[in-house]
Amino acid sequence: MELIDQLKSEYSEISYLQNAAALMVWDLRTYIPPKGAENRAEALGYVSTLAFKKAVSDEFGALLSQLNERATGSRNITGNLSMFSTVPLSNEKKS
């Protein structure tokens, strides 16, 4: 599998977990029966933690670094990768 495909796959997984967490939050705020709130809150914490751990994992960071190394000198690829990281991927100053 190509690196960019691995990145898309990893990012999709993180996105799915975040979407599930958002749905759980909505459920907690709207229709959850009072006796279900504690269990849903625990599940929300678990899913949110999974998403966070995947997003800040060494493996995900290494994947971003590998792609950044390949993208050096290519603004288009670097620009696309910047959506996955808050750390600037080039030496250019942000204005």
C-alpha atoms as a PDB file:
ATOM      1  CA  MET A   1       0.000   0.000   0.000  1.00  0.00           C
ATOM      2  CA  GLU A   2       1.316   3.455  -0.856  1.00  0.00           C
ATOM      3  CA  LEU A   3       2.045   5.887   1.962  1.00  0.00           C
ATOM      4  CA  ILE A   4      -0.712   8.291   0.924  1.00  0.00           C
ATOM      5  CA  ASP A   5      -3.201   5.401   0.957  1.00  0.00           C
ATOM      6  CA  GLN A   6      -2.026   4.439   4.448  1.00  0.00           C
ATOM      7  CA  LEU A   7      -2.516   8.042   5.556  1.00  0.00           C
ATOM      8  CA  LYS A   8      -6.023   8.156   4.109  1.00  0.00           C
ATOM      9  CA  SER A   9      -6.869   4.881   5.832  1.00  0.00           C
ATOM     10  CA  GLU A  10      -5.524   6.022   9.213  1.00  0.00           C
ATOM     11  CA  TYR A  11      -7.193   9.428   8.918  1.00  0.00           C
ATOM     12  CA  SER A  12     -10.492   7.774   7.956  1.00  0.00           C
ATOM     13  CA  GLU A  13     -10.341   5.604  11.064  1.00  0.00           C
ATOM     14  CA  ILE A  14      -9.740   8.661  13.256  1.00  0.00           C
ATOM     15  CA  SER A  15     -12.568  10.480  11.525  1.00  0.00           C
ATOM     16  CA  TYR A  16     -14.972   7.554  12.048  1.00  0.00           C
ATOM     17  CA  LEU A  17     -14.162   7.477  15.755  1.00  0.00           C
ATOM     18  CA  GLN A  18     -14.647  11.245  16.037  1.00  0.00           C
ATOM     19  CA  ASN A  19     -17.972  11.009  14.204  1.00  0.00           C
ATOM     20  CA  ALA A  20     -19.132   8.253  16.549  1.00  0.00           C
ATOM     21  CA  ALA A  21     -18.140  10.400  19.535  1.00  0.00           C
ATOM     22  CA  ALA A  22     -20.056  13.373  18.111  1.00  0.00           C
ATOM     23  CA  LEU A  23     -23.160  11.218  17.727  1.00  0.00           C
ATOM     24  CA  MET A  24     -22.819  10.055  21.332  1.00  0.00           C
ATOM     25  CA  VAL A  25     -22.573  13.667  22.510  1.00  0.00           C
ATOM     26  CA  TRP A  26     -25.714  14.542  20.549  1.00  0.00           C
ATOM     27  CA  ASP A  27     -27.475  11.531  22.071  1.00  0.00           C
ATOM     28  CA  LEU A  28     -26.444  12.592  25.580  1.00  0.00           C
ATOM     29  CA  ARG A  29     -27.799  16.081  24.991  1.00  0.00           C
ATOM     30  CA  THR A  30     -31.099  15.075  23.426  1.00  0.00           C
ATOM     31  CA  TYR A  31     -32.816  11.713  23.812  1.00  0.00           C
ATOM     32  CA  ILE A  32     -30.793   9.478  26.130  1.00  0.00           C
ATOM     33  CA  PRO A  33     -32.844   7.904  28.920  1.00  0.00           C
ATOM     34  CA  PRO A  34     -31.544   8.970  32.345  1.00  0.00           C
ATOM     35  CA  LYS A  35     -30.423   5.438  33.219  1.00  0.00           C
ATOM     36  CA  GLY A  36     -28.399   5.192  29.999  1.00  0.00           C
ATOM     37  CA  ALA A  37     -26.387   8.375  30.440  1.00  0.00           C
ATOM     38  CA  GLU A  38     -23.628   6.896  32.591  1.00  0.00           C
ATOM     39  CA  ASN A  39     -22.959   4.013  30.200  1.00  0.00           C
ATOM     40  CA  ARG A  40     -23.046   6.312  27.173  1.00  0.00           C
ATOM     41  CA  ALA A  41     -20.650   8.751  28.852  1.00  0.00           C
ATOM     42  CA  GLU A  42     -18.207   5.918  29.506  1.00  0.00           C
ATOM     43  CA  ALA A  43     -18.457   4.759  25.884  1.00  0.00           C
ATOM     44  CA  LEU A  44     -17.942   8.348  24.724  1.00  0.00           C
ATOM     45  CA  GLY A  45     -14.808   8.637  26.830  1.00  0.00           C
ATOM     46  CA  TYR A  46     -13.483   5.369  25.431  1.00  0.00           C
ATOM     47  CA  VAL A  47     -14.137   6.252  21.777  1.00  0.00           C
ATOM     48  CA  SER A  48     -12.755   9.778  22.209  1.00  0.00           C
ATOM     49  CA  THR A  49      -9.616   8.375  23.818  1.00  0.00           C
ATOM     50  CA  LEU A  50      -9.134   5.925  20.944  1.00  0.00           C
ATOM     51  CA  ALA A  51      -9.417   8.742  18.387  1.00  0.00           C
ATOM     52  CA  PHE A  52      -6.973  10.914  20.311  1.00  0.00           C
ATOM     53  CA  LYS A  53      -4.427   8.121  20.775  1.00  0.00           C
ATOM     54  CA  LYS A  54      -4.520   7.274  17.063  1.00  0.00           C
ATOM     55  CA  ALA A  55      -4.127  10.940  16.087  1.00  0.00           C
ATOM     56  CA  VAL A  56      -1.083  11.493  18.316  1.00  0.00           C
ATOM     57  CA  SER A  57       0.490   8.055  17.900  1.00  0.00           C
ATOM     58  CA  ASP A  58       4.123   7.629  16.946  1.00  0.00           C
ATOM     59  CA  GLU A  59       3.006   5.551  13.960  1.00  0.00           C
ATOM     60  CA  PHE A  60       0.757   8.317  12.601  1.00  0.00           C
ATOM     61  CA  GLY A  61       3.496  10.899  13.170  1.00  0.00           C
ATOM     62  CA  ALA A  62       6.043   8.690  11.406  1.00  0.00           C
ATOM     63  CA  LEU A  63       3.684   8.287   8.462  1.00  0.00           C
ATOM     64  CA  LEU A  64       3.268  12.070   8.222  1.00  0.00           C
ATOM     65  CA  SER A  65       7.049  12.501   8.430  1.00  0.00           C
ATOM     66  CA  GLN A  66       7.679   9.957   5.682  1.00  0.00           C
ATOM     67  CA  LEU A  67       5.166  11.652   3.432  1.00  0.00           C
ATOM     68  CA  ASN A  68       6.639  15.047   4.230  1.00  0.00           C
ATOM     69  CA  GLU A  69      10.102  13.824   3.242  1.00  0.00           C
ATOM     70  CA  ARG A  70       8.737  12.622  -0.087  1.00  0.00           C
ATOM     71  CA  ALA A  71       6.822  15.854  -0.594  1.00  0.00           C
ATOM     72  CA  THR A  72       9.780  18.171  -0.038  1.00  0.00           C
ATOM     73  CA  GLY A  73       9.768  20.650  -2.863  1.00  0.00           C
ATOM     74  CA  SER A  74       6.225  19.872  -3.906  1.00  0.00           C
ATOM     75  CA  ARG A  75       3.851  22.561  -2.656  1.00  0.00           C
ATOM     76  CA  ASN A  76       0.758  20.744  -3.830  1.00  0.00           C
ATOM     77  CA  ILE A  77       1.441  17.578  -1.827  1.00  0.00           C
ATOM     78  CA  THR A  78       2.685  19.529   1.179  1.00  0.00           C
ATOM     79  CA  GLY A  79      -0.478  21.642   1.122  1.00  0.00           C
ATOM     80  CA  ASN A  80      -2.634  18.520   1.070  1.00  0.00           C
ATOM     81  CA  LEU A  81      -0.748  16.990   3.985  1.00  0.00           C
ATOM     82  CA  SER A  82      -1.122  20.102   6.119  1.00  0.00           C
ATOM     83  CA  MET A  83      -4.773  19.219   6.762  1.00  0.00           C
ATOM     84  CA  PHE A  84      -3.551  16.234   8.808  1.00  0.00           C
ATOM     85  CA  SER A  85      -1.226  18.191  11.072  1.00  0.00           C
ATOM     86  CA  THR A  86      -1.151  21.521  12.837  1.00  0.00           C
ATOM     87  CA  VAL A  87       2.635  21.550  12.536  1.00  0.00           C
ATOM     88  CA  PRO A  88       3.820  23.355   9.385  1.00  0.00           C
ATOM     89  CA  LEU A  89       5.171  20.820   6.908  1.00  0.00           C
ATOM     90  CA  SER A  90       7.539  23.183   5.124  1.00  0.00           C
ATOM     91  CA  ASN A  91      10.100  25.815   5.994  1.00  0.00           C
ATOM     92  CA  GLU A  92       7.851  28.546   4.630  1.00  0.00           C
ATOM     93  CA  LYS A  93       6.631  31.075   7.171  1.00  0.00           C
ATOM     94  CA  LYS A  94       2.911  31.222   7.738  1.00  0.00           C
ATOM     95  CA  SER A  95       1.379  34.677   7.519  1.00  0.00           C
END
